Protein backbone atom coordinates (compact mmCIF):
# COMPACT_ATOMS: atom_id res chain seq x y z
CA MET A 1 -9.63 -11.88 -34.14
CA SER A 2 -7.28 -10.27 -36.66
CA GLN A 3 -5.23 -7.18 -35.79
CA THR A 4 -7.10 -5.11 -38.38
CA THR A 5 -10.48 -6.07 -36.91
CA SER A 6 -9.24 -5.32 -33.41
CA ARG A 7 -8.05 -1.86 -34.45
CA THR A 8 -11.36 -1.17 -36.14
CA ILE A 9 -13.30 -2.10 -33.00
CA ASP A 10 -10.96 0.01 -30.85
CA ALA A 11 -11.41 3.01 -33.16
CA ALA A 12 -15.19 2.60 -33.04
CA ILE A 13 -15.21 2.49 -29.23
CA TYR A 14 -12.93 5.55 -29.00
CA ALA A 15 -15.27 7.38 -31.39
CA LEU A 16 -18.31 6.36 -29.34
CA ILE A 17 -16.74 7.55 -26.07
CA GLY A 18 -15.68 10.81 -27.74
CA ALA A 19 -19.16 11.38 -29.16
CA ALA A 20 -20.77 10.64 -25.79
CA ALA A 21 -18.40 13.07 -24.08
CA THR A 22 -19.12 15.79 -26.63
CA LEU A 23 -22.87 15.30 -26.28
CA ALA A 24 -22.67 15.32 -22.48
CA TRP A 25 -20.57 18.51 -22.56
CA TRP A 26 -23.05 20.27 -24.86
CA LEU A 27 -26.11 19.19 -22.88
CA ALA A 28 -24.50 20.20 -19.57
CA ARG A 29 -23.84 23.68 -21.01
CA THR A 30 -27.20 24.24 -22.67
CA HIS A 31 -29.88 22.00 -21.09
CA VAL A 32 -28.50 21.04 -17.69
CA ALA A 33 -31.82 21.52 -15.84
CA ARG A 34 -33.52 19.00 -18.14
CA LEU A 35 -30.95 16.27 -17.74
CA PRO A 36 -31.65 13.15 -15.63
CA VAL A 37 -29.93 12.72 -12.28
CA TRP A 38 -27.34 10.33 -13.72
CA ALA A 39 -26.15 12.83 -16.32
CA PRO A 40 -23.21 15.19 -15.67
CA TRP A 41 -24.07 18.35 -13.76
CA ASP A 42 -20.81 20.26 -14.15
CA PHE A 43 -19.19 18.39 -17.03
CA SER A 44 -15.48 17.60 -16.77
CA TRP A 45 -13.67 16.19 -19.78
CA VAL A 46 -10.94 14.75 -17.56
CA GLU A 47 -13.32 12.95 -15.18
CA PHE A 48 -15.61 11.66 -17.94
CA LEU A 49 -12.81 10.32 -20.15
CA ALA A 50 -10.77 9.00 -17.22
CA ALA A 51 -13.67 6.80 -16.07
CA TRP A 52 -14.89 5.45 -19.39
CA LEU A 53 -11.49 5.01 -21.03
CA THR A 54 -10.18 3.22 -17.94
CA LEU A 55 -13.12 0.82 -18.04
CA PHE A 56 -12.56 0.23 -21.75
CA TRP A 57 -8.82 -0.38 -21.34
CA TYR A 58 -9.46 -2.73 -18.44
CA ALA A 59 -12.01 -4.75 -20.45
CA ARG A 60 -9.64 -4.86 -23.43
CA GLY A 61 -6.84 -6.03 -21.17
CA VAL A 62 -8.97 -8.81 -19.68
CA ILE A 63 -9.74 -10.06 -23.18
CA ARG A 64 -6.06 -9.95 -24.18
CA LEU A 65 -4.90 -11.94 -21.16
CA ALA A 66 -4.59 -15.69 -21.43
CA PRO A 67 -7.68 -17.46 -20.02
CA GLY A 68 -5.75 -18.74 -17.00
CA GLU A 69 -4.46 -15.26 -16.20
CA ARG A 70 -7.76 -13.42 -16.35
CA PRO A 71 -9.18 -12.04 -13.10
CA SER A 72 -12.29 -13.66 -11.68
CA TRP A 73 -15.71 -12.23 -12.38
CA LEU A 74 -15.82 -11.03 -8.77
CA ARG A 75 -12.63 -9.02 -9.24
CA ARG A 76 -13.85 -7.64 -12.55
CA GLY A 77 -17.09 -6.58 -10.92
CA ALA A 78 -15.23 -4.96 -8.01
CA PHE A 79 -13.17 -2.89 -10.44
CA ALA A 80 -16.18 -1.75 -12.44
CA VAL A 81 -18.21 -0.87 -9.34
CA GLY A 82 -15.26 0.98 -7.80
CA VAL A 83 -14.68 3.14 -10.89
CA LEU A 84 -18.40 3.78 -11.41
CA ALA A 85 -18.89 4.69 -7.73
CA ILE A 86 -16.24 7.41 -8.02
CA TYR A 87 -17.75 8.52 -11.33
CA ALA A 88 -21.22 8.69 -9.79
CA VAL A 89 -20.20 11.19 -7.10
CA LEU A 90 -18.19 13.33 -9.53
CA GLU A 91 -20.02 13.36 -12.86
CA THR A 92 -23.71 13.11 -12.00
CA ARG A 93 -26.29 15.34 -10.31
CA TYR A 94 -24.84 14.15 -7.00
CA GLU A 95 -22.02 16.67 -7.43
CA TYR A 96 -24.60 19.46 -7.12
CA LEU A 97 -25.75 17.97 -3.80
CA ALA A 98 -22.15 17.76 -2.58
CA GLU A 99 -21.66 21.45 -3.35
CA HIS A 100 -24.74 22.50 -1.36
CA GLN A 101 -24.86 20.25 1.72
CA PHE A 102 -21.98 19.36 4.01
CA PHE A 103 -23.02 15.78 4.76
CA PHE A 104 -23.45 15.05 1.04
CA ASN A 105 -19.93 16.40 0.54
CA ARG A 106 -18.63 14.02 3.22
CA LEU A 107 -20.36 11.06 1.57
CA GLN A 108 -18.72 12.10 -1.69
CA HIS A 109 -15.27 12.06 -0.09
CA VAL A 110 -15.85 8.73 1.65
CA THR A 111 -16.71 7.25 -1.75
CA MET A 112 -13.70 8.82 -3.47
CA HIS A 113 -11.18 8.10 -0.71
CA HIS A 114 -12.42 4.80 0.73
CA LEU A 115 -15.18 2.83 -0.99
CA GLY A 116 -14.15 3.25 -4.64
CA PRO A 117 -10.40 2.81 -4.06
CA VAL A 118 -10.97 -0.23 -1.81
CA LEU A 119 -12.95 -1.96 -4.56
CA ILE A 120 -10.33 -1.03 -7.17
CA ALA A 121 -7.54 -2.35 -4.95
CA LEU A 122 -9.43 -5.58 -4.28
CA ALA A 123 -9.72 -6.09 -8.04
CA TRP A 124 -5.90 -5.83 -8.27
CA PRO A 125 -6.24 -4.66 -11.89
CA GLY A 126 -2.58 -4.06 -12.75
CA ALA A 127 -2.13 -6.99 -15.14
CA ALA A 128 -5.35 -6.31 -17.02
CA LEU A 129 -4.68 -2.58 -17.31
CA LYS A 130 -1.11 -3.20 -18.46
CA ALA A 131 -2.42 -5.49 -21.19
CA GLY A 132 -5.13 -3.06 -22.26
CA LEU A 133 -3.46 0.35 -22.04
CA PRO A 134 -2.18 2.03 -25.21
CA ALA A 135 1.59 1.69 -25.59
CA PRO A 136 2.38 5.37 -24.75
CA LEU A 137 0.45 5.14 -21.49
CA THR A 138 2.14 1.84 -20.64
CA ARG A 139 5.53 3.48 -21.11
CA LEU A 140 4.41 6.42 -18.96
CA ALA A 141 3.10 4.14 -16.19
CA THR A 142 6.39 2.23 -16.09
CA HIS A 143 8.65 5.26 -16.41
CA PRO A 144 11.36 5.14 -13.70
CA LEU A 145 10.52 8.65 -12.45
CA LEU A 146 6.83 7.83 -11.96
CA VAL A 147 7.68 4.49 -10.38
CA ALA A 148 10.05 6.25 -7.97
CA ILE A 149 7.40 8.84 -7.04
CA VAL A 150 4.83 6.13 -6.32
CA LYS A 151 7.40 4.22 -4.28
CA VAL A 152 8.01 7.29 -2.12
CA LEU A 153 4.30 8.03 -1.70
CA GLN A 154 3.70 4.42 -0.65
CA GLN A 155 6.29 4.43 2.10
CA PRO A 156 4.12 3.26 5.03
CA ALA A 157 4.67 6.26 7.33
CA LEU A 158 4.21 8.82 4.56
CA ALA A 159 1.23 6.94 3.12
CA ALA A 160 -0.54 7.03 6.50
CA ILE A 161 0.24 10.73 7.01
CA LEU A 162 -1.01 11.64 3.55
CA PHE A 163 -4.11 9.48 3.89
CA VAL A 164 -5.27 11.14 7.11
CA GLY A 165 -3.67 14.52 6.49
CA LEU A 166 -5.37 15.17 3.16
CA ILE A 167 -8.80 14.44 4.64
CA PHE A 168 -8.40 17.03 7.38
CA PHE A 169 -6.43 19.49 5.27
CA TRP A 170 -9.48 19.93 3.04
CA LEU A 171 -11.72 20.06 6.14
CA VAL A 172 -9.98 23.13 7.58
CA PRO A 173 -12.90 25.62 7.32
CA SER A 174 -11.00 28.36 5.48
CA ILE A 175 -9.43 25.87 3.02
CA HIS A 176 -12.72 24.03 2.53
CA PHE A 177 -14.45 27.33 1.79
CA ALA A 178 -11.79 28.28 -0.78
CA ALA A 179 -12.13 24.87 -2.47
CA MET A 180 -15.92 25.10 -2.62
CA ILE A 181 -15.90 28.48 -4.41
CA ASP A 182 -12.91 27.91 -6.72
CA PRO A 183 -13.54 25.27 -9.44
CA ARG A 184 -9.81 24.61 -9.82
CA LEU A 185 -9.30 24.00 -6.11
CA PHE A 186 -12.49 21.93 -6.03
CA ALA A 187 -11.13 19.68 -8.79
CA LEU A 188 -7.74 19.46 -7.04
CA MET A 189 -9.45 18.49 -3.78
CA ASN A 190 -11.44 15.73 -5.46
CA TRP A 191 -8.55 14.33 -7.49
CA SER A 192 -6.24 14.34 -4.48
CA MET A 193 -8.81 12.24 -2.62
CA VAL A 194 -9.13 9.73 -5.45
CA VAL A 195 -5.42 9.37 -6.22
CA ASP A 196 -4.37 9.18 -2.57
CA GLY A 197 -7.13 6.67 -1.79
CA ILE A 198 -6.04 4.39 -4.63
CA LEU A 199 -2.36 4.61 -3.66
CA PHE A 200 -3.07 3.87 0.00
CA TRP A 201 -5.50 1.00 -0.45
CA CYS A 202 -3.39 -0.63 -3.19
CA LEU A 203 -0.50 -0.57 -0.70
CA VAL A 204 -2.61 -2.06 2.09
CA LEU A 205 -4.61 -4.60 0.07
CA ASP A 206 -1.75 -5.92 -2.04
CA PRO A 207 -2.44 -9.69 -2.06
CA ARG A 208 1.23 -10.59 -2.48
CA PRO A 209 3.75 -11.24 0.30
CA ALA A 210 6.89 -9.17 0.75
CA PRO A 211 9.22 -8.60 -1.04
CA GLN A 212 6.91 -8.61 -4.09
CA ALA A 213 4.69 -6.27 -2.09
CA ARG A 214 6.18 -3.04 -0.77
CA THR A 215 5.80 -4.07 2.87
CA SER A 216 4.85 -7.01 5.08
CA PHE A 217 1.36 -8.10 6.01
CA GLY A 218 2.01 -7.01 9.59
CA VAL A 219 2.80 -3.44 8.56
CA ARG A 220 -0.23 -3.36 6.27
CA ALA A 221 -2.47 -4.54 9.09
CA ALA A 222 -0.99 -1.88 11.36
CA LEU A 223 -1.67 0.81 8.74
CA THR A 224 -5.39 0.06 8.75
CA MET A 225 -5.47 0.73 12.50
CA VAL A 226 -3.10 3.72 12.45
CA VAL A 227 -5.33 5.67 10.08
CA MET A 228 -8.55 4.72 11.86
CA PHE A 229 -8.11 6.53 15.16
CA PRO A 230 -7.27 10.02 13.82
CA GLN A 231 -10.39 9.85 11.65
CA ILE A 232 -12.48 8.90 14.69
CA VAL A 233 -11.04 11.80 16.68
CA GLY A 234 -11.44 14.25 13.80
CA GLY A 235 -15.03 13.20 13.17
CA ALA A 236 -15.84 13.50 16.88
CA MET A 237 -14.36 17.01 16.95
CA ILE A 238 -16.73 18.05 14.16
CA VAL A 239 -19.74 16.32 15.74
CA PHE A 240 -19.31 17.85 19.18
CA ASN A 241 -18.12 21.29 18.10
CA PRO A 242 -20.73 23.84 19.25
CA HIS A 243 -19.72 26.35 16.54
CA ASP A 244 -20.92 26.44 12.96
CA LEU A 245 -17.69 25.52 11.20
CA TYR A 246 -19.08 25.36 7.68
CA GLY A 247 -21.62 28.15 7.65
CA PHE A 248 -20.62 29.16 4.15
CA TYR A 249 -22.90 26.39 2.84
CA ASP A 250 -25.67 28.85 3.72
CA LEU A 251 -24.16 31.26 1.18
CA CYS A 252 -24.39 28.60 -1.54
CA GLY A 253 -27.86 27.58 -0.40
CA ARG A 254 -28.29 24.27 1.38
CA ILE A 255 -30.37 21.60 -0.33
CA TYR A 256 -32.24 21.01 2.93
CA PRO A 257 -32.12 24.35 4.83
CA GLU A 258 -34.85 23.16 7.20
CA LEU A 259 -32.39 20.65 8.73
CA GLY A 260 -30.25 23.46 10.10
CA ALA A 261 -26.53 24.13 9.83
CA HIS A 262 -25.62 22.36 13.08
CA TYR A 263 -27.56 19.22 12.15
CA ASP A 264 -25.83 19.19 8.76
CA GLN A 265 -22.44 19.53 10.47
CA THR A 266 -23.25 16.80 12.99
CA VAL A 267 -24.28 14.30 10.33
CA GLY A 268 -21.21 15.22 8.26
CA GLY A 269 -18.98 14.64 11.29
CA LEU A 270 -20.55 11.24 11.87
CA ILE A 271 -19.78 10.36 8.25
CA VAL A 272 -16.14 11.37 8.82
CA TRP A 273 -16.16 9.28 12.00
CA ILE A 274 -18.03 6.02 11.38
CA PRO A 275 -17.76 4.80 7.73
CA PRO A 276 -13.96 5.30 7.52
CA ALA A 277 -13.52 3.44 10.81
CA MET A 278 -15.63 0.59 9.43
CA MET A 279 -13.55 0.56 6.24
CA SER A 280 -10.38 0.29 8.35
CA VAL A 281 -11.77 -2.74 10.17
CA ALA A 282 -12.79 -4.29 6.85
CA GLY A 283 -9.31 -3.53 5.51
CA LEU A 284 -7.72 -5.29 8.49
CA LEU A 285 -9.83 -8.40 7.86
CA LEU A 286 -8.91 -8.35 4.18
CA VAL A 287 -5.19 -8.10 5.01
CA LEU A 288 -5.46 -11.05 7.41
CA ASN A 289 -7.33 -13.04 4.77
CA ALA A 290 -4.63 -12.31 2.20
CA MET A 291 -1.98 -13.44 4.69
CA ARG A 292 -3.94 -16.66 5.32
CA ARG A 293 -4.15 -17.41 1.61
CA VAL A 294 -0.44 -16.82 1.05
CA GLU A 295 0.57 -19.03 3.97
CA GLU A 296 -1.73 -21.84 2.82
CA GLN A 297 -0.30 -21.57 -0.71
CA GLN A 298 3.23 -21.74 0.69
CA PHE A 299 2.25 -24.76 2.77
CA ALA A 300 0.75 -26.52 -0.25
CA ALA A 301 3.93 -25.85 -2.25
CA LEU A 302 6.16 -27.64 0.28
CA PRO A 303 7.19 -31.23 -0.41
CA ALA A 304 5.04 -33.65 1.55
CA ASP A 305 7.93 -34.74 3.81
CA GLN A 306 8.68 -31.10 4.77
CA ARG A 307 5.17 -30.07 5.71
CA PRO A 308 4.33 -29.51 9.37
CA THR A 309 1.23 -31.16 10.80
CA ARG A 310 -0.83 -28.17 9.70
CA PRO A 311 -0.08 -24.75 8.21
CA THR A 312 1.26 -22.07 10.55
CA PHE A 313 -1.93 -20.13 9.88
CA ASP A 314 -4.74 -22.47 8.93
CA ALA A 315 -8.18 -20.95 8.49
CA ARG A 316 -9.80 -24.36 8.88
CA ALA A 317 -8.90 -24.30 12.56
CA TRP A 318 -11.40 -21.51 13.20
CA THR A 319 -13.76 -21.50 10.23
CA GLY A 320 -14.35 -25.23 9.86
C-alpha cells in the first residue's frame, strides 16, 4: 500500500470517527430518551474519542508490524474486549444505572479498575500502539518526564497503595457523594480508576523477566496478594455495616427502590469483596505462568551440554 493511499484511508477513518462522535453528542443532547441502551447516555468527547481512536491506532499498528512481530489473535481480542468493556460502562446507558444504584456503580468500578485493565495488560499492546500512534503522541508517550512519572507510579509499594487506596478513597461516603453530584469529580473518579488499573496490571502482568520488567516475578506475585486482602476487608466492612452509608442514592432515585438501601449496599459490598479477590488469584496464576514460560525459554536457549536434566520450573512435571 502506497503512503498516499494509507494517508487517505487514515483521513477517512478519522473523519468517520469524528462524524460518529458529533452525531452521538447531538443525539445525547436532544433525543437521549430515544437512544438504544448501547448509545451514550451522558456523552463525553474524551471518553468516546479515547476508546475509538485507541482501537484504530492499535489496529493500524498491528498492520504496520512485521508479520512475525504481530500479536496473536488472542492478544488482539483481549485488547479490544478490554477497551470496549471500559467503554461500555462509561459511554452507554449503563452509566445511568451506575449513577442511580450502588451495586451497579461497584460493577462499573470493577470493570474499569480490574477486568478491562487486566485484558489490556494481557494483550501487552505497547509495540502495536507505538507503531500505530501518530508521531506527536509517540513523542509524548516517550517523553522523559512522562516516563519518569510512570516509573514512580509503578514502584511496587506505591503501586499497591494507590491501587487499594483509590478504591476506598472514592468509597468514603462524603467523597463518594460529592463525586456523584459533581460531573467533574465523577469524571475524575472514573479516569483515576481506569488509569491506575492499567498502570497496576501492566506492572503485574508484564510477561518479561527483570530487568526488562520493572520488578521480579516474585514481587509481582506478592503484589497480587498484597492488594487482595485490604479489598476483602473493605468489602466486608461495607457488607456487615448496619448503617446506610450511601443513602444519598435515594436522593438521585434508585433504579430498583423496592430492593431497599441496605440490600443495595450489601450487594455492592460483596462486589467490592469477591470479584477483586478473584482477579487477584487469577493475576497470581498469570504471573506464575509468565515465569514458567520465561524459564522454559531460557532453558531452551542453553547449549545442549549446559542444560540440566529438566528446567528449574517445568510445567510438564505437573500438567503432563
